[in-house]
Every structure is written in structure tokens, then in C-alpha cells.
């Protein structure tokens, strides 16, 4: 399907590049993206903390949470919403698809 709303996917890494219960930072069209793996799931969020503007991909991952390394703000991997202070604003979440070992991210709105 083509048109204005066509979704664009970009390969960002291979599954093995993402540590278990960890994250890596990538760029998609110039946008910083944190690709996060927890269990069998992979998520993608904007890789800039909404509180202190540092890379979230350098933080800790547990449950479905990514904790910023600088001040401890926590974000839900599924929604991007903060689950712990000091952050009060959510970060964007992006769609992810896995094809074999390849991980793709789309910045398109659902």
C-alpha cells in the first residue's frame, strides 16, 4: 500500500546486538532511538530523557521499565510514560518488528 500514510521501516540492528534486559542507542532518520530488550520483547523509545536530556539507552532495564542513569527517572517501555520522578513528561515510543534476527523500527504514527 502506498500513499501519505505508508509506514517506513528501517533496520536498526540485529537481535543479538541488544543485551538481555538492556538497551542500545541507534539513529533512525536522524532521530535518537533506544532499542530495549526485556525477556522476549523488544521496544523502541526516544533516546532522550524528558527530564534531563541525556541518553536513556545508557540506563538500567527491569520489568517493563527503563531507568535514566542520571536522576533515576523511570519510563514504561510500552507507553513511554514516566513511572517515577523526577520526569513528568512521556517520551515517544516507536513501533518495532522482528524479521528473523533483524530488528526494524518505524517512526510513523500508528
PDB file of N, CA and C in Angstrom:
ATOM      1  N   UNK A   1       0.834  -1.170   0.000  1.00  0.00           N
ATOM      2  CA  UNK A   1       0.000   0.000   0.000  1.00  0.00           C
ATOM      3  C   UNK A   1       0.882   1.238   0.000  1.00  0.00           C
ATOM      4  N   UNK A   2       0.598   2.161  -0.857  1.00  0.00           N
ATOM      5  CA  UNK A   2       1.384   3.384  -0.909  1.00  0.00           C
ATOM      6  C   UNK A   2       0.492   4.570  -0.579  1.00  0.00           C
ATOM      7  N   UNK A   3       1.112   5.687  -0.329  1.00  0.00           N
ATOM      8  CA  UNK A   3       0.351   6.884  -0.014  1.00  0.00           C
ATOM      9  C   UNK A   3       0.998   7.648   1.113  1.00  0.00           C
ATOM     10  N   UNK A   4       0.323   8.703   1.527  1.00  0.00           N
ATOM     11  CA  UNK A   4       0.855   9.592   2.538  1.00  0.00           C
ATOM     12  C   UNK A   4       1.084   8.874   3.868  1.00  0.00           C
ATOM     13  N   UNK A   5       0.220   7.930   4.213  1.00  0.00           N
ATOM     14  CA  UNK A   5       0.315   7.256   5.498  1.00  0.00           C
ATOM     15  C   UNK A   5       1.117   5.957   5.462  1.00  0.00           C
ATOM     16  N   UNK A   6       1.844   5.716   4.368  1.00  0.00           N
ATOM     17  CA  UNK A   6       2.618   4.480   4.261  1.00  0.00           C
ATOM     18  C   UNK A   6       3.679   4.441   5.370  1.00  0.00           C
ATOM     19  N   UNK A   7       3.789   3.297   6.008  1.00  0.00           N
ATOM     20  CA  UNK A   7       4.735   3.138   7.103  1.00  0.00           C
ATOM     21  C   UNK A   7       6.109   2.797   6.551  1.00  0.00           C
ATOM     22  N   UNK A   8       7.131   3.442   7.085  1.00  0.00           N
ATOM     23  CA  UNK A   8       8.501   3.203   6.670  1.00  0.00           C
ATOM     24  C   UNK A   8       9.248   2.525   7.809  1.00  0.00           C
ATOM     25  N   UNK A   9       9.873   1.391   7.496  1.00  0.00           N
ATOM     26  CA  UNK A   9      10.644   0.634   8.494  1.00  0.00           C
ATOM     27  C   UNK A   9      12.115   0.753   8.160  1.00  0.00           C
ATOM     28  N   UNK A  10      12.949   0.911   9.182  1.00  0.00           N
ATOM     29  CA  UNK A  10      14.394   0.962   8.986  1.00  0.00           C
ATOM     30  C   UNK A  10      15.056  -0.079   9.877  1.00  0.00           C
ATOM     31  N   UNK A  11      15.934  -0.886   9.259  1.00  0.00           N
ATOM     32  CA  UNK A  11      16.684  -1.866  10.049  1.00  0.00           C
ATOM     33  C   UNK A  11      17.657  -1.104  10.934  1.00  0.00           C
ATOM     34  N   UNK A  12      17.613  -1.399  12.249  1.00  0.00           N
ATOM     35  CA  UNK A  12      18.453  -0.675  13.193  1.00  0.00           C
ATOM     36  C   UNK A  12      19.555  -1.530  13.801  1.00  0.00           C
ATOM     37  N   UNK A  13      19.338  -2.845  13.850  1.00  0.00           N
ATOM     38  CA  UNK A  13      20.332  -3.734  14.442  1.00  0.00           C
ATOM     39  C   UNK A  13      19.879  -5.172  14.257  1.00  0.00           C
ATOM     40  N   UNK A  14      20.676  -6.084  14.806  1.00  0.00           N
ATOM     41  CA  UNK A  14      20.266  -7.482  14.880  1.00  0.00           C
ATOM     42  C   UNK A  14      19.895  -7.779  16.332  1.00  0.00           C
ATOM     43  N   UNK A  15      19.046  -8.748  16.516  1.00  0.00           N
ATOM     44  CA  UNK A  15      18.555  -9.094  17.848  1.00  0.00           C
ATOM     45  C   UNK A  15      19.699  -9.330  18.830  1.00  0.00           C
ATOM     46  N   UNK A  16      20.756  -9.996  18.365  1.00  0.00           N
ATOM     47  CA  UNK A  16      21.898 -10.294  19.224  1.00  0.00           C
ATOM     48  C   UNK A  16      22.695  -9.073  19.646  1.00  0.00           C
ATOM     49  N   UNK A  17      22.462  -7.921  18.980  1.00  0.00           N
ATOM     50  CA  UNK A  17      23.167  -6.686  19.345  1.00  0.00           C
ATOM     51  C   UNK A  17      22.620  -6.064  20.623  1.00  0.00           C
ATOM     52  N   UNK A  18      21.393  -6.445  20.990  1.00  0.00           N
ATOM     53  CA  UNK A  18      20.739  -5.854  22.156  1.00  0.00           C
ATOM     54  C   UNK A  18      20.955  -6.788  23.348  1.00  0.00           C
ATOM     55  N   UNK A  19      21.590  -6.298  24.415  1.00  0.00           N
ATOM     56  CA  UNK A  19      21.807  -7.177  25.573  1.00  0.00           C
ATOM     57  C   UNK A  19      20.483  -7.577  26.222  1.00  0.00           C
ATOM     58  N   UNK A  20      20.448  -8.767  26.821  1.00  0.00           N
ATOM     59  CA  UNK A  20      19.273  -9.181  27.584  1.00  0.00           C
ATOM     60  C   UNK A  20      19.041  -8.176  28.699  1.00  0.00           C
ATOM     61  N   UNK A  21      17.801  -7.738  28.843  1.00  0.00           N
ATOM     62  CA  UNK A  21      17.459  -6.717  29.828  1.00  0.00           C
ATOM     63  C   UNK A  21      18.394  -5.518  29.737  1.00  0.00           C
ATOM     64  N   UNK A  22      18.574  -5.058  28.485  1.00  0.00           N
ATOM     65  CA  UNK A  22      19.442  -3.917  28.231  1.00  0.00           C
ATOM     66  C   UNK A  22      18.974  -3.121  27.035  1.00  0.00           C
ATOM     67  N   UNK A  23      19.743  -2.105  26.694  1.00  0.00           N
ATOM     68  CA  UNK A  23      19.378  -1.204  25.609  1.00  0.00           C
ATOM     69  C   UNK A  23      20.601  -0.804  24.811  1.00  0.00           C
ATOM     70  N   UNK A  24      20.353  -0.414  23.556  1.00  0.00           N
ATOM     71  CA  UNK A  24      21.391   0.206  22.736  1.00  0.00           C
ATOM     72  C   UNK A  24      20.797   1.465  22.117  1.00  0.00           C
ATOM     73  N   UNK A  25      21.651   2.406  21.800  1.00  0.00           N
ATOM     74  CA  UNK A  25      21.226   3.629  21.140  1.00  0.00           C
ATOM     75  C   UNK A  25      21.509   3.543  19.651  1.00  0.00           C
ATOM     76  N   UNK A  26      20.521   3.928  18.849  1.00  0.00           N
ATOM     77  CA  UNK A  26      20.666   3.959  17.392  1.00  0.00           C
ATOM     78  C   UNK A  26      20.062   5.265  16.896  1.00  0.00           C
ATOM     79  N   UNK A  27      20.226   5.528  15.585  1.00  0.00           N
ATOM     80  CA  UNK A  27      19.553   6.669  14.975  1.00  0.00           C
ATOM     81  C   UNK A  27      18.690   6.175  13.838  1.00  0.00           C
ATOM     82  N   UNK A  28      17.494   6.733  13.749  1.00  0.00           N
ATOM     83  CA  UNK A  28      16.573   6.425  12.663  1.00  0.00           C
ATOM     84  C   UNK A  28      16.207   7.757  12.026  1.00  0.00           C
ATOM     85  N   UNK A  29      16.713   7.994  10.827  1.00  0.00           N
ATOM     86  CA  UNK A  29      16.434   9.260  10.154  1.00  0.00           C
ATOM     87  C   UNK A  29      16.861  10.465  10.965  1.00  0.00           C
ATOM     88  N   UNK A  30      17.971  10.352  11.674  1.00  0.00           N
ATOM     89  CA  UNK A  30      18.473  11.446  12.489  1.00  0.00           C
ATOM     90  C   UNK A  30      17.841  11.545  13.866  1.00  0.00           C
ATOM     91  N   UNK A  31      16.894  10.667  14.179  1.00  0.00           N
ATOM     92  CA  UNK A  31      16.218  10.667  15.483  1.00  0.00           C
ATOM     93  C   UNK A  31      16.885   9.648  16.395  1.00  0.00           C
ATOM     94  N   UNK A  32      17.316  10.064  17.602  1.00  0.00           N
ATOM     95  CA  UNK A  32      17.911   9.108  18.528  1.00  0.00           C
ATOM     96  C   UNK A  32      16.849   8.168  19.100  1.00  0.00           C
ATOM     97  N   UNK A  33      17.130   6.861  19.019  1.00  0.00           N
ATOM     98  CA  UNK A  33      16.178   5.840  19.458  1.00  0.00           C
ATOM     99  C   UNK A  33      16.895   4.855  20.373  1.00  0.00           C
ATOM    100  N   UNK A  34      16.261   4.546  21.509  1.00  0.00           N
ATOM    101  CA  UNK A  34      16.748   3.498  22.410  1.00  0.00           C
ATOM    102  C   UNK A  34      15.998   2.221  22.054  1.00  0.00           C
ATOM    103  N   UNK A  35      16.740   1.187  21.675  1.00  0.00           N
ATOM    104  CA  UNK A  35      16.142  -0.117  21.375  1.00  0.00           C
ATOM    105  C   UNK A  35      16.402  -0.984  22.595  1.00  0.00           C
ATOM    106  N   UNK A  36      15.323  -1.459  23.207  1.00  0.00           N
ATOM    107  CA  UNK A  36      15.397  -2.106  24.520  1.00  0.00           C
ATOM    108  C   UNK A  36      14.870  -3.528  24.433  1.00  0.00           C
ATOM    109  N   UNK A  37      15.583  -4.432  25.096  1.00  0.00           N
ATOM    110  CA  UNK A  37      15.164  -5.843  25.128  1.00  0.00           C
ATOM    111  C   UNK A  37      14.932  -6.264  26.564  1.00  0.00           C
ATOM    112  N   UNK A  38      13.761  -6.841  26.799  1.00  0.00           N
ATOM    113  CA  UNK A  38      13.454  -7.404  28.108  1.00  0.00           C
ATOM    114  C   UNK A  38      12.716  -8.711  27.871  1.00  0.00           C
ATOM    115  N   UNK A  39      13.306  -9.798  28.319  1.00  0.00           N
ATOM    116  CA  UNK A  39      12.739 -11.109  28.027  1.00  0.00           C
ATOM    117  C   UNK A  39      12.734 -11.354  26.521  1.00  0.00           C
ATOM    118  N   UNK A  40      11.589 -11.737  25.993  1.00  0.00           N
ATOM    119  CA  UNK A  40      11.458 -11.981  24.551  1.00  0.00           C
ATOM    120  C   UNK A  40      10.924 -10.768  23.801  1.00  0.00           C
ATOM    121  N   UNK A  41      10.785  -9.643  24.487  1.00  0.00           N
ATOM    122  CA  UNK A  41      10.190  -8.462  23.873  1.00  0.00           C
ATOM    123  C   UNK A  41      11.242  -7.406  23.552  1.00  0.00           C
ATOM    124  N   UNK A  42      10.986  -6.658  22.464  1.00  0.00           N
ATOM    125  CA  UNK A  42      11.857  -5.558  22.064  1.00  0.00           C
ATOM    126  C   UNK A  42      10.990  -4.306  21.920  1.00  0.00           C
ATOM    127  N   UNK A  43      11.476  -3.205  22.447  1.00  0.00           N
ATOM    128  CA  UNK A  43      10.768  -1.929  22.420  1.00  0.00           C
ATOM    129  C   UNK A  43      11.693  -0.852  21.868  1.00  0.00           C
ATOM    130  N   UNK A  44      11.097   0.251  21.406  1.00  0.00           N
ATOM    131  CA  UNK A  44      11.869   1.395  20.935  1.00  0.00           C
ATOM    132  C   UNK A  44      11.254   2.669  21.498  1.00  0.00           C
ATOM    133  N   UNK A  45      12.112   3.494  22.093  1.00  0.00           N
ATOM    134  CA  UNK A  45      11.686   4.765  22.676  1.00  0.00           C
ATOM    135  C   UNK A  45      12.634   5.860  22.213  1.00  0.00           C
ATOM    136  N   UNK A  46      12.158   7.098  22.314  1.00  0.00           N
ATOM    137  CA  UNK A  46      13.037   8.234  22.043  1.00  0.00           C
ATOM    138  C   UNK A  46      14.193   8.168  23.027  1.00  0.00           C
ATOM    139  N   UNK A  47      15.409   8.308  22.534  1.00  0.00           N
ATOM    140  CA  UNK A  47      16.599   8.089  23.368  1.00  0.00           C
ATOM    141  C   UNK A  47      17.066   9.359  24.071  1.00  0.00           C
ATOM    142  N   UNK A  48      16.116  10.191  24.506  1.00  0.00           N
ATOM    143  CA  UNK A  48      16.459  11.388  25.251  1.00  0.00           C
ATOM    144  C   UNK A  48      15.488  11.506  26.420  1.00  0.00           C
ATOM    145  N   UNK A  49      16.010  11.522  27.636  1.00  0.00           N
ATOM    146  CA  UNK A  49      15.174  11.652  28.826  1.00  0.00           C
ATOM    147  C   UNK A  49      14.423  12.979  28.775  1.00  0.00           C
ATOM    148  N   UNK A  50      13.134  12.930  29.074  1.00  0.00           N
ATOM    149  CA  UNK A  50      12.325  14.153  29.034  1.00  0.00           C
ATOM    150  C   UNK A  50      12.621  15.084  30.207  1.00  0.00           C
ATOM    151  N   UNK A  51      13.399  14.620  31.162  1.00  0.00           N
ATOM    152  CA  UNK A  51      13.752  15.447  32.317  1.00  0.00           C
ATOM    153  C   UNK A  51      15.106  16.118  32.145  1.00  0.00           C
ATOM    154  N   UNK A  52      16.126  15.359  31.791  1.00  0.00           N
ATOM    155  CA  UNK A  52      17.484  15.911  31.808  1.00  0.00           C
ATOM    156  C   UNK A  52      18.196  15.867  30.457  1.00  0.00           C
ATOM    157  N   UNK A  53      17.529  15.397  29.423  1.00  0.00           N
ATOM    158  CA  UNK A  53      18.092  15.363  28.071  1.00  0.00           C
ATOM    159  C   UNK A  53      19.417  14.607  27.987  1.00  0.00           C
ATOM    160  N   UNK A  54      19.452  13.418  28.578  1.00  0.00           N
ATOM    161  CA  UNK A  54      20.583  12.506  28.429  1.00  0.00           C
ATOM    162  C   UNK A  54      20.067  11.220  27.791  1.00  0.00           C
ATOM    163  N   UNK A  55      20.987  10.373  27.331  1.00  0.00           N
ATOM    164  CA  UNK A  55      20.604   9.145  26.637  1.00  0.00           C
ATOM    165  C   UNK A  55      19.984   8.122  27.587  1.00  0.00           C
ATOM    166  N   UNK A  56      18.737   7.755  27.286  1.00  0.00           N
ATOM    167  CA  UNK A  56      18.083   6.719  28.083  1.00  0.00           C
ATOM    168  C   UNK A  56      18.705   5.353  27.833  1.00  0.00           C
ATOM    169  N   UNK A  57      19.287   5.153  26.651  1.00  0.00           N
ATOM    170  CA  UNK A  57      19.867   3.847  26.316  1.00  0.00           C
ATOM    171  C   UNK A  57      21.033   3.471  27.227  1.00  0.00           C
ATOM    172  N   UNK A  58      21.535   4.427  27.991  1.00  0.00           N
ATOM    173  CA  UNK A  58      22.622   4.149  28.926  1.00  0.00           C
ATOM    174  C   UNK A  58      22.092   3.802  30.322  1.00  0.00           C
ATOM    175  N   UNK A  59      20.752   3.709  30.455  1.00  0.00           N
ATOM    176  CA  UNK A  59      20.140   3.427  31.746  1.00  0.00           C
ATOM    177  C   UNK A  59      19.938   1.943  31.991  1.00  0.00           C
ATOM    178  N   UNK A  60      19.275   1.637  33.097  1.00  0.00           N
ATOM    179  CA  UNK A  60      19.013   0.261  33.514  1.00  0.00           C
ATOM    180  C   UNK A  60      17.621  -0.175  33.070  1.00  0.00           C
ATOM    181  N   UNK A  61      17.505  -1.458  32.710  1.00  0.00           N
ATOM    182  CA  UNK A  61      16.230  -2.032  32.284  1.00  0.00           C
ATOM    183  C   UNK A  61      15.797  -3.080  33.298  1.00  0.00           C
ATOM    184  N   UNK A  62      14.546  -3.002  33.748  1.00  0.00           N
ATOM    185  CA  UNK A  62      13.966  -4.034  34.605  1.00  0.00           C
ATOM    186  C   UNK A  62      12.462  -4.031  34.397  1.00  0.00           C
ATOM    187  N   UNK A  63      11.873  -5.223  34.502  1.00  0.00           N
ATOM    188  CA  UNK A  63      10.453  -5.401  34.210  1.00  0.00           C
ATOM    189  C   UNK A  63      10.157  -4.764  32.845  1.00  0.00           C
ATOM    190  N   UNK A  64       9.229  -3.842  32.782  1.00  0.00           N
ATOM    191  CA  UNK A  64       8.951  -3.106  31.536  1.00  0.00           C
ATOM    192  C   UNK A  64       9.300  -1.642  31.735  1.00  0.00           C
ATOM    193  N   UNK A  65      10.442  -1.421  32.388  1.00  0.00           N
ATOM    194  CA  UNK A  65      10.856  -0.075  32.775  1.00  0.00           C
ATOM    195  C   UNK A  65      12.281   0.202  32.320  1.00  0.00           C
ATOM    196  N   UNK A  66      12.496   1.443  31.857  1.00  0.00           N
ATOM    197  CA  UNK A  66      13.839   1.932  31.549  1.00  0.00           C
ATOM    198  C   UNK A  66      14.111   3.087  32.500  1.00  0.00           C
ATOM    199  N   UNK A  67      15.174   2.940  33.311  1.00  0.00           N
ATOM    200  CA  UNK A  67      15.514   3.955  34.300  1.00  0.00           C
ATOM    201  C   UNK A  67      16.673   4.799  33.799  1.00  0.00           C
ATOM    202  N   UNK A  68      16.482   6.108  33.790  1.00  0.00           N
ATOM    203  CA  UNK A  68      17.538   7.033  33.368  1.00  0.00           C
ATOM    204  C   UNK A  68      18.698   6.964  34.361  1.00  0.00           C
ATOM    205  N   UNK A  69      19.901   6.923  33.845  1.00  0.00           N
ATOM    206  CA  UNK A  69      21.088   6.773  34.689  1.00  0.00           C
ATOM    207  C   UNK A  69      21.413   8.032  35.484  1.00  0.00           C
ATOM    208  N   UNK A  70      20.937   9.202  35.051  1.00  0.00           N
ATOM    209  CA  UNK A  70      21.374  10.438  35.694  1.00  0.00           C
ATOM    210  C   UNK A  70      20.609  10.757  36.980  1.00  0.00           C
ATOM    211  N   UNK A  71      19.277  10.845  36.888  1.00  0.00           N
ATOM    212  CA  UNK A  71      18.491  11.209  38.066  1.00  0.00           C
ATOM    213  C   UNK A  71      17.478  10.145  38.473  1.00  0.00           C
ATOM    214  N   UNK A  72      17.445   9.010  37.762  1.00  0.00           N
ATOM    215  CA  UNK A  72      16.567   7.917  38.156  1.00  0.00           C
ATOM    216  C   UNK A  72      15.131   7.995  37.648  1.00  0.00           C
ATOM    217  N   UNK A  73      14.857   8.884  36.693  1.00  0.00           N
ATOM    218  CA  UNK A  73      13.509   8.896  36.106  1.00  0.00           C
ATOM    219  C   UNK A  73      13.252   7.543  35.463  1.00  0.00           C
ATOM    220  N   UNK A  74      12.031   7.031  35.613  1.00  0.00           N
ATOM    221  CA  UNK A  74      11.675   5.728  35.065  1.00  0.00           C
ATOM    222  C   UNK A  74      10.578   5.887  34.018  1.00  0.00           C
ATOM    223  N   UNK A  75      10.687   5.127  32.925  1.00  0.00           N
ATOM    224  CA  UNK A  75       9.728   5.195  31.832  1.00  0.00           C
ATOM    225  C   UNK A  75       9.211   3.806  31.497  1.00  0.00           C
ATOM    226  N   UNK A  76       7.898   3.703  31.276  1.00  0.00           N
ATOM    227  CA  UNK A  76       7.277   2.455  30.860  1.00  0.00           C
ATOM    228  C   UNK A  76       7.658   2.189  29.407  1.00  0.00           C
ATOM    229  N   UNK A  77       8.229   1.025  29.124  1.00  0.00           N
ATOM    230  CA  UNK A  77       8.677   0.684  27.770  1.00  0.00           C
ATOM    231  C   UNK A  77       7.521   0.619  26.774  1.00  0.00           C
ATOM    232  N   UNK A  78       6.328   0.300  27.244  1.00  0.00           N
ATOM    233  CA  UNK A  78       5.176   0.120  26.359  1.00  0.00           C
ATOM    234  C   UNK A  78       4.512   1.436  25.990  1.00  0.00           C
ATOM    235  N   UNK A  79       4.575   2.427  26.914  1.00  0.00           N
ATOM    236  CA  UNK A  79       3.842   3.678  26.692  1.00  0.00           C
ATOM    237  C   UNK A  79       4.733   4.909  26.618  1.00  0.00           C
ATOM    238  N   UNK A  80       5.934   4.814  27.157  1.00  0.00           N
ATOM    239  CA  UNK A  80       6.811   5.977  27.229  1.00  0.00           C
ATOM    240  C   UNK A  80       6.486   6.906  28.381  1.00  0.00           C
ATOM    241  N   UNK A  81       5.442   6.581  29.144  1.00  0.00           N
ATOM    242  CA  UNK A  81       5.037   7.446  30.253  1.00  0.00           C
ATOM    243  C   UNK A  81       5.980   7.277  31.441  1.00  0.00           C
ATOM    244  N   UNK A  82       6.260   8.388  32.133  1.00  0.00           N
ATOM    245  CA  UNK A  82       7.110   8.279  33.323  1.00  0.00           C
ATOM    246  C   UNK A  82       6.388   7.527  34.438  1.00  0.00           C
ATOM    247  N   UNK A  83       7.115   6.640  35.097  1.00  0.00           N
ATOM    248  CA  UNK A  83       6.545   5.879  36.218  1.00  0.00           C
ATOM    249  C   UNK A  83       7.220   6.247  37.526  1.00  0.00           C
ATOM    250  N   UNK A  84       8.191   7.120  37.450  1.00  0.00           N
ATOM    251  CA  UNK A  84       8.878   7.578  38.653  1.00  0.00           C
ATOM    252  C   UNK A  84       9.518   8.927  38.414  1.00  0.00           C
ATOM    253  N   UNK A  85       9.512   9.804  39.428  1.00  0.00           N
ATOM    254  CA  UNK A  85      10.081  11.143  39.286  1.00  0.00           C
ATOM    255  C   UNK A  85      11.594  11.079  39.128  1.00  0.00           C
ATOM    256  N   UNK A  86      12.214  12.147  38.661  1.00  0.00           N
ATOM    257  CA  UNK A  86      11.655  13.488  38.527  1.00  0.00           C
ATOM    258  C   UNK A  86      10.970  13.780  37.179  1.00  0.00           C
ATOM    259  N   UNK A  87      11.020  12.891  36.205  1.00  0.00           N
ATOM    260  CA  UNK A  87      10.380  13.157  34.908  1.00  0.00           C
ATOM    261  C   UNK A  87       8.861  13.216  35.064  1.00  0.00           C
ATOM    262  N   UNK A  88       8.249  14.140  34.343  1.00  0.00           N
ATOM    263  CA  UNK A  88       6.786  14.255  34.345  1.00  0.00           C
ATOM    264  C   UNK A  88       6.213  14.148  32.941  1.00  0.00           C
ATOM    265  N   UNK A  89       7.066  14.257  31.923  1.00  0.00           N
ATOM    266  CA  UNK A  89       6.605  14.189  30.538  1.00  0.00           C
ATOM    267  C   UNK A  89       7.012  12.853  29.922  1.00  0.00           C
ATOM    268  N   UNK A  90       6.133  12.253  29.097  1.00  0.00           N
ATOM    269  CA  UNK A  90       6.476  10.988  28.443  1.00  0.00           C
ATOM    270  C   UNK A  90       7.497  11.190  27.324  1.00  0.00           C
ATOM    271  N   UNK A  91       8.097  10.088  26.899  1.00  0.00           N
ATOM    272  CA  UNK A  91       8.938  10.082  25.709  1.00  0.00           C
ATOM    273  C   UNK A  91       8.188   9.311  24.625  1.00  0.00           C
ATOM    274  N   UNK A  92       8.483   9.609  23.368  1.00  0.00           N
ATOM    275  CA  UNK A  92       7.831   8.911  22.263  1.00  0.00           C
ATOM    276  C   UNK A  92       8.218   7.441  22.247  1.00  0.00           C
ATOM    277  N   UNK A  93       7.263   6.603  21.912  1.00  0.00           N
ATOM    278  CA  UNK A  93       7.537   5.193  21.663  1.00  0.00           C
ATOM    279  C   UNK A  93       7.341   4.941  20.179  1.00  0.00           C
ATOM    280  N   UNK A  94       8.089   3.996  19.646  1.00  0.00           N
ATOM    281  CA  UNK A  94       8.055   3.688  18.220  1.00  0.00           C
ATOM    282  C   UNK A  94       7.739   2.218  18.016  1.00  0.00           C
ATOM    283  N   UNK A  95       7.190   1.923  16.863  1.00  0.00           N
ATOM    284  CA  UNK A  95       6.840   0.545  16.539  1.00  0.00           C
ATOM    285  C   UNK A  95       8.092  -0.250  16.190  1.00  0.00           C
ATOM    286  N   UNK A  96       8.089  -1.529  16.584  1.00  0.00           N
ATOM    287  CA  UNK A  96       9.212  -2.434  16.337  1.00  0.00           C
ATOM    288  C   UNK A  96       8.679  -3.678  15.659  1.00  0.00           C
ATOM    289  N   UNK A  97       9.448  -4.208  14.711  1.00  0.00           N
ATOM    290  CA  UNK A  97       9.144  -5.535  14.168  1.00  0.00           C
ATOM    291  C   UNK A  97      10.442  -6.297  14.015  1.00  0.00           C
ATOM    292  N   UNK A  98      10.324  -7.605  14.195  1.00  0.00           N
ATOM    293  CA  UNK A  98      11.474  -8.507  14.095  1.00  0.00           C
ATOM    294  C   UNK A  98      11.251  -9.385  12.872  1.00  0.00           C
ATOM    295  N   UNK A  99      12.263  -9.464  12.022  1.00  0.00           N
ATOM    296  CA  UNK A  99      12.217 -10.333  10.846  1.00  0.00           C
ATOM    297  C   UNK A  99      13.464 -11.212  10.891  1.00  0.00           C
ATOM    298  N   UNK A 100      13.299 -12.444  11.333  1.00  0.00           N
ATOM    299  CA  UNK A 100      14.466 -13.310  11.552  1.00  0.00           C
ATOM    300  C   UNK A 100      15.250 -12.752  12.726  1.00  0.00           C
ATOM    301  N   UNK A 101      16.509 -12.364  12.466  1.00  0.00           N
ATOM    302  CA  UNK A 101      17.335 -11.741  13.504  1.00  0.00           C
ATOM    303  C   UNK A 101      17.399 -10.223  13.352  1.00  0.00           C
ATOM    304  N   UNK A 102      16.738  -9.682  12.328  1.00  0.00           N
ATOM    305  CA  UNK A 102      16.800  -8.255  12.064  1.00  0.00           C
ATOM    306  C   UNK A 102      15.727  -7.504  12.847  1.00  0.00           C
ATOM    307  N   UNK A 103      16.123  -6.372  13.434  1.00  0.00           N
ATOM    308  CA  UNK A 103      15.203  -5.534  14.196  1.00  0.00           C
ATOM    309  C   UNK A 103      14.951  -4.264  13.393  1.00  0.00           C
ATOM    310  N   UNK A 104      13.669  -3.957  13.171  1.00  0.00           N
ATOM    311  CA  UNK A 104      13.254  -2.793  12.422  1.00  0.00           C
ATOM    312  C   UNK A 104      12.462  -1.864  13.325  1.00  0.00           C
ATOM    313  N   UNK A 105      12.603  -0.548  13.084  1.00  0.00           N
ATOM    314  CA  UNK A 105      11.848   0.466  13.826  1.00  0.00           C
ATOM    315  C   UNK A 105      11.162   1.370  12.824  1.00  0.00           C
ATOM    316  N   UNK A 106       9.929   1.755  13.158  1.00  0.00           N
ATOM    317  CA  UNK A 106       9.192   2.732  12.356  1.00  0.00           C
ATOM    318  C   UNK A 106       8.893   3.940  13.213  1.00  0.00           C
ATOM    319  N   UNK A 107       9.197   5.132  12.693  1.00  0.00           N
ATOM    320  CA  UNK A 107       8.883   6.368  13.393  1.00  0.00           C
ATOM    321  C   UNK A 107       7.479   6.856  13.051  1.00  0.00           C
ATOM    322  N   UNK A 108       6.827   6.188  12.091  1.00  0.00           N
ATOM    323  CA  UNK A 108       5.496   6.597  11.661  1.00  0.00           C
ATOM    324  C   UNK A 108       4.506   6.482  12.801  1.00  0.00           C
ATOM    325  N   UNK A 109       3.550   7.399  12.832  1.00  0.00           N
ATOM    326  CA  UNK A 109       2.472   7.337  13.826  1.00  0.00           C
ATOM    327  C   UNK A 109       1.554   6.194  13.458  1.00  0.00           C
ATOM    328  N   UNK A 110       1.027   5.493  14.458  1.00  0.00           N
ATOM    329  CA  UNK A 110       0.125   4.358  14.202  1.00  0.00           C
ATOM    330  C   UNK A 110      -1.181   4.838  13.626  1.00  0.00           C
TER     331      UNK A 110
END
